[in-house]
Amino acid sequence: ADRMRLRQVLTNLINNALKFTDKGKVEFGYNINSETNEFEFF
């Protein structure tokens, strides 16, 4: 992947998560979807 752009996407999504969360939790990561042969980030 394009390292800079992948970081940009994750950073943007995490920024939003932290901005719109007053308390609780914010978690990010990835899983492997073997059926579609894809990385699935969240």
ModelCIF file with pLDDT and N, C-alpha, C, O atoms, coordinates in Angstrom:
data_MODEL
#
_entry.id   MODEL 
#
_entity.id                         1 
_entity.type                       polymer 
_entity.pdbx_number_of_molecules   1 
#
_entity_poly.entity_id                      1 
_entity_poly.type                           'polypeptide(L)' 
_entity_poly.nstd_linkage                   no 
_entity_poly.nstd_monomer                   no 
_entity_poly.pdbx_seq_one_letter_code       ADRMRLRQVLTNLINNALKFTDKGKVEFGYNINSETNEFEFF 
_entity_poly.pdbx_seq_one_letter_code_can   ADRMRLRQVLTNLINNALKFTDKGKVEFGYNINSETNEFEFF 
_entity_poly.pdbx_strand_id                 A 
#
loop_
_entity_poly_seq.entity_id 
_entity_poly_seq.num 
_entity_poly_seq.mon_id 
_entity_poly_seq.hetero 
1 1  ALA n 
1 2  ASP n 
1 3  ARG n 
1 4  MET n 
1 5  ARG n 
1 6  LEU n 
1 7  ARG n 
1 8  GLN n 
1 9  VAL n 
1 10 LEU n 
1 11 THR n 
1 12 ASN n 
1 13 LEU n 
1 14 ILE n 
1 15 ASN n 
1 16 ASN n 
1 17 ALA n 
1 18 LEU n 
1 19 LYS n 
1 20 PHE n 
1 21 THR n 
1 22 ASP n 
1 23 LYS n 
1 24 GLY n 
1 25 LYS n 
1 26 VAL n 
1 27 GLU n 
1 28 PHE n 
1 29 GLY n 
1 30 TYR n 
1 31 ASN n 
1 32 ILE n 
1 33 ASN n 
1 34 SER n 
1 35 GLU n 
1 36 THR n 
1 37 ASN n 
1 38 GLU n 
1 39 PHE n 
1 40 GLU n 
1 41 PHE n 
1 42 PHE n 
#
_struct_asym.id          A 
_struct_asym.entity_id   1 
#
loop_
_ma_qa_metric.id 
_ma_qa_metric.mode 
_ma_qa_metric.name 
_ma_qa_metric.software_group_id 
_ma_qa_metric.type 
1 global pLDDT . pLDDT 
2 local  pLDDT . pLDDT 
#
_ma_qa_metric_global.metric_id      1 
_ma_qa_metric_global.metric_value   91.71 
_ma_qa_metric_global.model_id       1 
_ma_qa_metric_global.ordinal_id     1 
#
loop_
_ma_qa_metric_local.label_asym_id 
_ma_qa_metric_local.label_comp_id 
_ma_qa_metric_local.label_seq_id 
_ma_qa_metric_local.metric_id 
_ma_qa_metric_local.metric_value 
_ma_qa_metric_local.model_id 
_ma_qa_metric_local.ordinal_id 
A ALA 1  2 87.00 1 1  
A ASP 2  2 86.00 1 2  
A ARG 3  2 86.00 1 3  
A MET 4  2 83.00 1 4  
A ARG 5  2 89.00 1 5  
A LEU 6  2 93.00 1 6  
A ARG 7  2 91.00 1 7  
A GLN 8  2 90.00 1 8  
A VAL 9  2 94.00 1 9  
A LEU 10 2 95.00 1 10 
A THR 11 2 92.00 1 11 
A ASN 12 2 91.00 1 12 
A LEU 13 2 95.00 1 13 
A ILE 14 2 95.00 1 14 
A ASN 15 2 90.00 1 15 
A ASN 16 2 91.00 1 16 
A ALA 17 2 94.00 1 17 
A LEU 18 2 92.00 1 18 
A LYS 19 2 89.00 1 19 
A PHE 20 2 91.00 1 20 
A THR 21 2 93.00 1 21 
A ASP 22 2 91.00 1 22 
A LYS 23 2 90.00 1 23 
A GLY 24 2 94.00 1 24 
A LYS 25 2 95.00 1 25 
A VAL 26 2 96.00 1 26 
A GLU 27 2 97.00 1 27 
A PHE 28 2 97.00 1 28 
A GLY 29 2 96.00 1 29 
A TYR 30 2 96.00 1 30 
A ASN 31 2 94.00 1 31 
A ILE 32 2 92.00 1 32 
A ASN 33 2 89.00 1 33 
A SER 34 2 83.00 1 34 
A GLU 35 2 86.00 1 35 
A THR 36 2 86.00 1 36 
A ASN 37 2 87.00 1 37 
A GLU 38 2 92.00 1 38 
A PHE 39 2 94.00 1 39 
A GLU 40 2 96.00 1 40 
A PHE 41 2 97.00 1 41 
A PHE 42 2 97.00 1 42 
#
loop_
_atom_site.group_PDB 
_atom_site.id 
_atom_site.type_symbol 
_atom_site.label_atom_id 
_atom_site.label_alt_id 
_atom_site.label_comp_id 
_atom_site.label_asym_id 
_atom_site.label_entity_id 
_atom_site.label_seq_id 
_atom_site.pdbx_PDB_ins_code 
_atom_site.Cartn_x 
_atom_site.Cartn_y 
_atom_site.Cartn_z 
_atom_site.occupancy 
_atom_site.B_iso_or_equiv 
_atom_site.pdbx_formal_charge 
_atom_site.auth_seq_id 
_atom_site.auth_comp_id 
_atom_site.auth_asym_id 
_atom_site.auth_atom_id 
_atom_site.pdbx_PDB_model_num 
ATOM 1   N N  . ALA A 1 1  ? 0.848   -1.192  0.000  1.00 87.00 ? 1  ALA A N  1 
ATOM 2   C CA . ALA A 1 1  ? 0.000   0.000   0.000  1.00 87.00 ? 1  ALA A CA 1 
ATOM 3   C C  . ALA A 1 1  ? 0.882   1.240   0.000  1.00 87.00 ? 1  ALA A C  1 
ATOM 4   O O  . ALA A 1 1  ? 2.085   1.164   0.249  1.00 87.00 ? 1  ALA A O  1 
ATOM 5   N N  . ASP A 1 2  ? 0.270   2.370   -0.281 1.00 86.00 ? 2  ASP A N  1 
ATOM 6   C CA . ASP A 1 2  ? 0.964   3.654   -0.164 1.00 86.00 ? 2  ASP A CA 1 
ATOM 7   C C  . ASP A 1 2  ? 1.017   3.991   1.320  1.00 86.00 ? 2  ASP A C  1 
ATOM 8   O O  . ASP A 1 2  ? -0.007  4.320   1.919  1.00 86.00 ? 2  ASP A O  1 
ATOM 9   N N  . ARG A 1 3  ? 2.198   3.910   1.911  1.00 86.00 ? 3  ARG A N  1 
ATOM 10  C CA . ARG A 1 3  ? 2.338   4.056   3.358  1.00 86.00 ? 3  ARG A CA 1 
ATOM 11  C C  . ARG A 1 3  ? 1.794   5.394   3.855  1.00 86.00 ? 3  ARG A C  1 
ATOM 12  O O  . ARG A 1 3  ? 1.074   5.449   4.852  1.00 86.00 ? 3  ARG A O  1 
ATOM 13  N N  . MET A 1 4  ? 2.148   6.475   3.148  1.00 83.00 ? 4  MET A N  1 
ATOM 14  C CA . MET A 1 4  ? 1.714   7.805   3.568  1.00 83.00 ? 4  MET A CA 1 
ATOM 15  C C  . MET A 1 4  ? 0.192   7.923   3.512  1.00 83.00 ? 4  MET A C  1 
ATOM 16  O O  . MET A 1 4  ? -0.422  8.485   4.419  1.00 83.00 ? 4  MET A O  1 
ATOM 17  N N  . ARG A 1 5  ? -0.425  7.387   2.437  1.00 89.00 ? 5  ARG A N  1 
ATOM 18  C CA . ARG A 1 5  ? -1.872  7.498   2.287  1.00 89.00 ? 5  ARG A CA 1 
ATOM 19  C C  . ARG A 1 5  ? -2.613  6.578   3.250  1.00 89.00 ? 5  ARG A C  1 
ATOM 20  O O  . ARG A 1 5  ? -3.675  6.946   3.752  1.00 89.00 ? 5  ARG A O  1 
ATOM 21  N N  . LEU A 1 6  ? -2.077  5.395   3.517  1.00 93.00 ? 6  LEU A N  1 
ATOM 22  C CA . LEU A 1 6  ? -2.689  4.500   4.499  1.00 93.00 ? 6  LEU A CA 1 
ATOM 23  C C  . LEU A 1 6  ? -2.661  5.142   5.876  1.00 93.00 ? 6  LEU A C  1 
ATOM 24  O O  . LEU A 1 6  ? -3.645  5.094   6.614  1.00 93.00 ? 6  LEU A O  1 
ATOM 25  N N  . ARG A 1 7  ? -1.542  5.735   6.213  1.00 91.00 ? 7  ARG A N  1 
ATOM 26  C CA . ARG A 1 7  ? -1.441  6.452   7.494  1.00 91.00 ? 7  ARG A CA 1 
ATOM 27  C C  . ARG A 1 7  ? -2.436  7.610   7.533  1.00 91.00 ? 7  ARG A C  1 
ATOM 28  O O  . ARG A 1 7  ? -3.056  7.860   8.566  1.00 91.00 ? 7  ARG A O  1 
ATOM 29  N N  . GLN A 1 8  ? -2.592  8.323   6.403  1.00 90.00 ? 8  GLN A N  1 
ATOM 30  C CA . GLN A 1 8  ? -3.517  9.452   6.339  1.00 90.00 ? 8  GLN A CA 1 
ATOM 31  C C  . GLN A 1 8  ? -4.952  9.014   6.608  1.00 90.00 ? 8  GLN A C  1 
ATOM 32  O O  . GLN A 1 8  ? -5.674  9.679   7.349  1.00 90.00 ? 8  GLN A O  1 
ATOM 33  N N  . VAL A 1 9  ? -5.370  7.897   6.010  1.00 94.00 ? 9  VAL A N  1 
ATOM 34  C CA . VAL A 1 9  ? -6.732  7.404   6.213  1.00 94.00 ? 9  VAL A CA 1 
ATOM 35  C C  . VAL A 1 9  ? -6.953  7.026   7.676  1.00 94.00 ? 9  VAL A C  1 
ATOM 36  O O  . VAL A 1 9  ? -7.937  7.442   8.288  1.00 94.00 ? 9  VAL A O  1 
ATOM 37  N N  . LEU A 1 10 ? -6.038  6.240   8.233  1.00 95.00 ? 10 LEU A N  1 
ATOM 38  C CA . LEU A 1 10 ? -6.184  5.819   9.632  1.00 95.00 ? 10 LEU A CA 1 
ATOM 39  C C  . LEU A 1 10 ? -6.152  7.018   10.579 1.00 95.00 ? 10 LEU A C  1 
ATOM 40  O O  . LEU A 1 10 ? -6.939  7.088   11.522 1.00 95.00 ? 10 LEU A O  1 
ATOM 41  N N  . THR A 1 11 ? -5.253  7.948   10.330 1.00 92.00 ? 11 THR A N  1 
ATOM 42  C CA . THR A 1 11 ? -5.138  9.136   11.183 1.00 92.00 ? 11 THR A CA 1 
ATOM 43  C C  . THR A 1 11 ? -6.426  9.945   11.158 1.00 92.00 ? 11 THR A C  1 
ATOM 44  O O  . THR A 1 11 ? -6.892  10.415  12.196 1.00 92.00 ? 11 THR A O  1 
ATOM 45  N N  . ASN A 1 12 ? -7.001  10.107  9.966  1.00 91.00 ? 12 ASN A N  1 
ATOM 46  C CA . ASN A 1 12 ? -8.252  10.867  9.847  1.00 91.00 ? 12 ASN A CA 1 
ATOM 47  C C  . ASN A 1 12 ? -9.377  10.197  10.617 1.00 91.00 ? 12 ASN A C  1 
ATOM 48  O O  . ASN A 1 12 ? -10.119 10.860  11.341 1.00 91.00 ? 12 ASN A O  1 
ATOM 49  N N  . LEU A 1 13 ? -9.505  8.874   10.461 1.00 95.00 ? 13 LEU A N  1 
ATOM 50  C CA . LEU A 1 13 ? -10.577 8.147   11.143 1.00 95.00 ? 13 LEU A CA 1 
ATOM 51  C C  . LEU A 1 13 ? -10.394 8.163   12.657 1.00 95.00 ? 13 LEU A C  1 
ATOM 52  O O  . LEU A 1 13 ? -11.369 8.284   13.398 1.00 95.00 ? 13 LEU A O  1 
ATOM 53  N N  . ILE A 1 14 ? -9.144  8.043   13.123 1.00 95.00 ? 14 ILE A N  1 
ATOM 54  C CA . ILE A 1 14 ? -8.880  8.074   14.568 1.00 95.00 ? 14 ILE A CA 1 
ATOM 55  C C  . ILE A 1 14 ? -9.141  9.465   15.127 1.00 95.00 ? 14 ILE A C  1 
ATOM 56  O O  . ILE A 1 14 ? -9.696  9.608   16.216 1.00 95.00 ? 14 ILE A O  1 
ATOM 57  N N  . ASN A 1 15 ? -8.740  10.496  14.376 1.00 90.00 ? 15 ASN A N  1 
ATOM 58  C CA . ASN A 1 15 ? -9.036  11.873  14.787 1.00 90.00 ? 15 ASN A CA 1 
ATOM 59  C C  . ASN A 1 15 ? -10.523 12.068  15.004 1.00 90.00 ? 15 ASN A C  1 
ATOM 60  O O  . ASN A 1 15 ? -10.946 12.627  16.016 1.00 90.00 ? 15 ASN A O  1 
ATOM 61  N N  . ASN A 1 16 ? -11.325 11.598  14.035 1.00 91.00 ? 16 ASN A N  1 
ATOM 62  C CA . ASN A 1 16 ? -12.777 11.721  14.152 1.00 91.00 ? 16 ASN A CA 1 
ATOM 63  C C  . ASN A 1 16 ? -13.298 10.957  15.368 1.00 91.00 ? 16 ASN A C  1 
ATOM 64  O O  . ASN A 1 16 ? -14.147 11.454  16.108 1.00 91.00 ? 16 ASN A O  1 
ATOM 65  N N  . ALA A 1 17 ? -12.781 9.742   15.565 1.00 94.00 ? 17 ALA A N  1 
ATOM 66  C CA . ALA A 1 17 ? -13.241 8.921   16.687 1.00 94.00 ? 17 ALA A CA 1 
ATOM 67  C C  . ALA A 1 17 ? -12.980 9.625   18.017 1.00 94.00 ? 17 ALA A C  1 
ATOM 68  O O  . ALA A 1 17 ? -13.848 9.654   18.889 1.00 94.00 ? 17 ALA A O  1 
ATOM 69  N N  . LEU A 1 18 ? -11.790 10.187  18.168 1.00 92.00 ? 18 LEU A N  1 
ATOM 70  C CA . LEU A 1 18 ? -11.441 10.888  19.411 1.00 92.00 ? 18 LEU A CA 1 
ATOM 71  C C  . LEU A 1 18 ? -12.241 12.181  19.557 1.00 92.00 ? 18 LEU A C  1 
ATOM 72  O O  . LEU A 1 18 ? -12.598 12.577  20.667 1.00 92.00 ? 18 LEU A O  1 
ATOM 73  N N  . LYS A 1 19 ? -12.520 12.835  18.428 1.00 89.00 ? 19 LYS A N  1 
ATOM 74  C CA . LYS A 1 19 ? -13.252 14.107  18.466 1.00 89.00 ? 19 LYS A CA 1 
ATOM 75  C C  . LYS A 1 19 ? -14.699 13.910  18.892 1.00 89.00 ? 19 LYS A C  1 
ATOM 76  O O  . LYS A 1 19 ? -15.252 14.734  19.621 1.00 89.00 ? 19 LYS A O  1 
ATOM 77  N N  . PHE A 1 20 ? -15.324 12.807  18.435 1.00 91.00 ? 20 PHE A N  1 
ATOM 78  C CA . PHE A 1 20 ? -16.744 12.603  18.686 1.00 91.00 ? 20 PHE A CA 1 
ATOM 79  C C  . PHE A 1 20 ? -17.021 11.645  19.842 1.00 91.00 ? 20 PHE A C  1 
ATOM 80  O O  . PHE A 1 20 ? -18.147 11.175  20.001 1.00 91.00 ? 20 PHE A O  1 
ATOM 81  N N  . THR A 1 21 ? -15.998 11.353  20.649 1.00 93.00 ? 21 THR A N  1 
ATOM 82  C CA . THR A 1 21 ? -16.166 10.465  21.802 1.00 93.00 ? 21 THR A CA 1 
ATOM 83  C C  . THR A 1 21 ? -15.855 11.234  23.084 1.00 93.00 ? 21 THR A C  1 
ATOM 84  O O  . THR A 1 21 ? -14.729 11.688  23.286 1.00 93.00 ? 21 THR A O  1 
ATOM 85  N N  . ASP A 1 22 ? -16.852 11.374  23.940 1.00 91.00 ? 22 ASP A N  1 
ATOM 86  C CA . ASP A 1 22 ? -16.651 12.074  25.213 1.00 91.00 ? 22 ASP A CA 1 
ATOM 87  C C  . ASP A 1 22 ? -15.975 11.173  26.238 1.00 91.00 ? 22 ASP A C  1 
ATOM 88  O O  . ASP A 1 22 ? -15.080 11.613  26.960 1.00 91.00 ? 22 ASP A O  1 
ATOM 89  N N  . LYS A 1 23 ? -16.396 9.920   26.303 1.00 90.00 ? 23 LYS A N  1 
ATOM 90  C CA . LYS A 1 23 ? -15.761 8.947   27.187 1.00 90.00 ? 23 LYS A CA 1 
ATOM 91  C C  . LYS A 1 23 ? -16.101 7.554   26.702 1.00 90.00 ? 23 LYS A C  1 
ATOM 92  O O  . LYS A 1 23 ? -17.035 7.370   25.922 1.00 90.00 ? 23 LYS A O  1 
ATOM 93  N N  . GLY A 1 24 ? -15.347 6.583   27.159 1.00 94.00 ? 24 GLY A N  1 
ATOM 94  C CA . GLY A 1 24 ? -15.549 5.204   26.706 1.00 94.00 ? 24 GLY A CA 1 
ATOM 95  C C  . GLY A 1 24 ? -14.268 4.642   26.137 1.00 94.00 ? 24 GLY A C  1 
ATOM 96  O O  . GLY A 1 24 ? -13.277 4.515   26.856 1.00 94.00 ? 24 GLY A O  1 
ATOM 97  N N  . LYS A 1 25 ? -14.265 4.298   24.846 1.00 95.00 ? 25 LYS A N  1 
ATOM 98  C CA . LYS A 1 25 ? -13.051 3.748   24.263 1.00 95.00 ? 25 LYS A CA 1 
ATOM 99  C C  . LYS A 1 25 ? -12.971 4.047   22.769 1.00 95.00 ? 25 LYS A C  1 
ATOM 100 O O  . LYS A 1 25 ? -13.980 4.214   22.085 1.00 95.00 ? 25 LYS A O  1 
ATOM 101 N N  . VAL A 1 26 ? -11.748 4.106   22.300 1.00 96.00 ? 26 VAL A N  1 
ATOM 102 C CA . VAL A 1 26 ? -11.439 4.214   20.870 1.00 96.00 ? 26 VAL A CA 1 
ATOM 103 C C  . VAL A 1 26 ? -10.413 3.138   20.570 1.00 96.00 ? 26 VAL A C  1 
ATOM 104 O O  . VAL A 1 26 ? -9.364  3.071   21.210 1.00 96.00 ? 26 VAL A O  1 
ATOM 105 N N  . GLU A 1 27 ? -10.719 2.299   19.595 1.00 97.00 ? 27 GLU A N  1 
ATOM 106 C CA . GLU A 1 27 ? -9.837  1.178   19.273 1.00 97.00 ? 27 GLU A CA 1 
ATOM 107 C C  . GLU A 1 27 ? -9.678  1.088   17.762 1.00 97.00 ? 27 GLU A C  1 
ATOM 108 O O  . GLU A 1 27 ? -10.625 1.338   17.015 1.00 97.00 ? 27 GLU A O  1 
ATOM 109 N N  . PHE A 1 28 ? -8.479  0.730   17.314 1.00 97.00 ? 28 PHE A N  1 
ATOM 110 C CA . PHE A 1 28 ? -8.256  0.536   15.887 1.00 97.00 ? 28 PHE A CA 1 
ATOM 111 C C  . PHE A 1 28 ? -7.370  -0.686  15.670 1.00 97.00 ? 28 PHE A C  1 
ATOM 112 O O  . PHE A 1 28 ? -6.705  -1.157  16.593 1.00 97.00 ? 28 PHE A O  1 
ATOM 113 N N  . GLY A 1 29 ? -7.372  -1.191  14.442 1.00 96.00 ? 29 GLY A N  1 
ATOM 114 C CA . GLY A 1 29 ? -6.590  -2.380  14.145 1.00 96.00 ? 29 GLY A CA 1 
ATOM 115 C C  . GLY A 1 29 ? -6.981  -2.965  12.803 1.00 96.00 ? 29 GLY A C  1 
ATOM 116 O O  . GLY A 1 29 ? -7.491  -2.262  11.931 1.00 96.00 ? 29 GLY A O  1 
ATOM 117 N N  . TYR A 1 30 ? -6.740  -4.249  12.645 1.00 96.00 ? 30 TYR A N  1 
ATOM 118 C CA . TYR A 1 30 ? -7.074  -4.916  11.387 1.00 96.00 ? 30 TYR A CA 1 
ATOM 119 C C  . TYR A 1 30 ? -7.322  -6.396  11.635 1.00 96.00 ? 30 TYR A C  1 
ATOM 120 O O  . TYR A 1 30 ? -6.894  -6.963  12.640 1.00 96.00 ? 30 TYR A O  1 
ATOM 121 N N  . ASN A 1 31 ? -8.031  -7.005  10.681 1.00 94.00 ? 31 ASN A N  1 
ATOM 122 C CA . ASN A 1 31 ? -8.254  -8.453  10.653 1.00 94.00 ? 31 ASN A CA 1 
ATOM 123 C C  . ASN A 1 31 ? -7.998  -8.941  9.227  1.00 94.00 ? 31 ASN A C  1 
ATOM 124 O O  . ASN A 1 31 ? -7.892  -8.143  8.296  1.00 94.00 ? 31 ASN A O  1 
ATOM 125 N N  . ILE A 1 32 ? -7.900  -10.254 9.070  1.00 92.00 ? 32 ILE A N  1 
ATOM 126 C CA . ILE A 1 32 ? -7.745  -10.852 7.744  1.00 92.00 ? 32 ILE A CA 1 
ATOM 127 C C  . ILE A 1 32 ? -9.072  -11.487 7.346  1.00 92.00 ? 32 ILE A C  1 
ATOM 128 O O  . ILE A 1 32 ? -9.603  -12.337 8.061  1.00 92.00 ? 32 ILE A O  1 
ATOM 129 N N  . ASN A 1 33 ? -9.603  -11.069 6.200  1.00 89.00 ? 33 ASN A N  1 
ATOM 130 C CA . ASN A 1 33 ? -10.819 -11.678 5.660  1.00 89.00 ? 33 ASN A CA 1 
ATOM 131 C C  . ASN A 1 33 ? -10.386 -12.717 4.628  1.00 89.00 ? 33 ASN A C  1 
ATOM 132 O O  . ASN A 1 33 ? -10.068 -12.382 3.487  1.00 89.00 ? 33 ASN A O  1 
ATOM 133 N N  . SER A 1 34 ? -10.378 -13.980 5.048  1.00 83.00 ? 34 SER A N  1 
ATOM 134 C CA . SER A 1 34 ? -9.881  -15.042 4.172  1.00 83.00 ? 34 SER A CA 1 
ATOM 135 C C  . SER A 1 34 ? -10.808 -15.302 2.988  1.00 83.00 ? 34 SER A C  1 
ATOM 136 O O  . SER A 1 34 ? -10.364 -15.793 1.951  1.00 83.00 ? 34 SER A O  1 
ATOM 137 N N  . GLU A 1 35 ? -12.096 -14.976 3.135  1.00 86.00 ? 35 GLU A N  1 
ATOM 138 C CA . GLU A 1 35 ? -13.047 -15.214 2.052  1.00 86.00 ? 35 GLU A CA 1 
ATOM 139 C C  . GLU A 1 35 ? -12.805 -14.271 0.872  1.00 86.00 ? 35 GLU A C  1 
ATOM 140 O O  . GLU A 1 35 ? -12.893 -14.682 -0.285 1.00 86.00 ? 35 GLU A O  1 
ATOM 141 N N  . THR A 1 36 ? -12.501 -13.007 1.170  1.00 86.00 ? 36 THR A N  1 
ATOM 142 C CA . THR A 1 36 ? -12.285 -12.021 0.106  1.00 86.00 ? 36 THR A CA 1 
ATOM 143 C C  . THR A 1 36 ? -10.801 -11.784 -0.169 1.00 86.00 ? 36 THR A C  1 
ATOM 144 O O  . THR A 1 36 ? -10.444 -11.039 -1.082 1.00 86.00 ? 36 THR A O  1 
ATOM 145 N N  . ASN A 1 37 ? -9.934  -12.425 0.628  1.00 87.00 ? 37 ASN A N  1 
ATOM 146 C CA . ASN A 1 37 ? -8.487  -12.249 0.488  1.00 87.00 ? 37 ASN A CA 1 
ATOM 147 C C  . ASN A 1 37 ? -8.103  -10.776 0.641  1.00 87.00 ? 37 ASN A C  1 
ATOM 148 O O  . ASN A 1 37 ? -7.413  -10.200 -0.200 1.00 87.00 ? 37 ASN A O  1 
ATOM 149 N N  . GLU A 1 38 ? -8.578  -10.182 1.756  1.00 92.00 ? 38 GLU A N  1 
ATOM 150 C CA . GLU A 1 38 ? -8.345  -8.762  2.001  1.00 92.00 ? 38 GLU A CA 1 
ATOM 151 C C  . GLU A 1 38 ? -7.943  -8.517  3.456  1.00 92.00 ? 38 GLU A C  1 
ATOM 152 O O  . GLU A 1 38 ? -8.301  -9.275  4.357  1.00 92.00 ? 38 GLU A O  1 
ATOM 153 N N  . PHE A 1 39 ? -7.191  -7.438  3.654  1.00 94.00 ? 39 PHE A N  1 
ATOM 154 C CA . PHE A 1 39 ? -7.007  -6.892  4.991  1.00 94.00 ? 39 PHE A CA 1 
ATOM 155 C C  . PHE A 1 39 ? -8.237  -6.035  5.279  1.00 94.00 ? 39 PHE A C  1 
ATOM 156 O O  . PHE A 1 39 ? -8.668  -5.264  4.422  1.00 94.00 ? 39 PHE A O  1 
ATOM 157 N N  . GLU A 1 40 ? -8.802  -6.164  6.472  1.00 96.00 ? 40 GLU A N  1 
ATOM 158 C CA . GLU A 1 40 ? -9.931  -5.325  6.859  1.00 96.00 ? 40 GLU A CA 1 
ATOM 159 C C  . GLU A 1 40 ? -9.534  -4.490  8.072  1.00 96.00 ? 40 GLU A C  1 
ATOM 160 O O  . GLU A 1 40 ? -9.412  -5.012  9.180  1.00 96.00 ? 40 GLU A O  1 
ATOM 161 N N  . PHE A 1 41 ? -9.335  -3.206  7.860  1.00 97.00 ? 41 PHE A N  1 
ATOM 162 C CA . PHE A 1 41 ? -8.957  -2.284  8.929  1.00 97.00 ? 41 PHE A CA 1 
ATOM 163 C C  . PHE A 1 41 ? -10.221 -1.729  9.583  1.00 97.00 ? 41 PHE A C  1 
ATOM 164 O O  . PHE A 1 41 ? -11.275 -1.654  8.951  1.00 97.00 ? 41 PHE A O  1 
ATOM 165 N N  . PHE A 1 42 ? -10.108 -1.344  10.847 1.00 97.00 ? 42 PHE A N  1 
ATOM 166 C CA . PHE A 1 42 ? -11.265 -0.767  11.535 1.00 97.00 ? 42 PHE A CA 1 
ATOM 167 C C  . PHE A 1 42 ? -10.813 0.302   12.519 1.00 97.00 ? 42 PHE A C  1 
ATOM 168 O O  . PHE A 1 42 ? -11.644 0.907   13.198 1.00 97.00 ? 42 PHE A O  1 
#
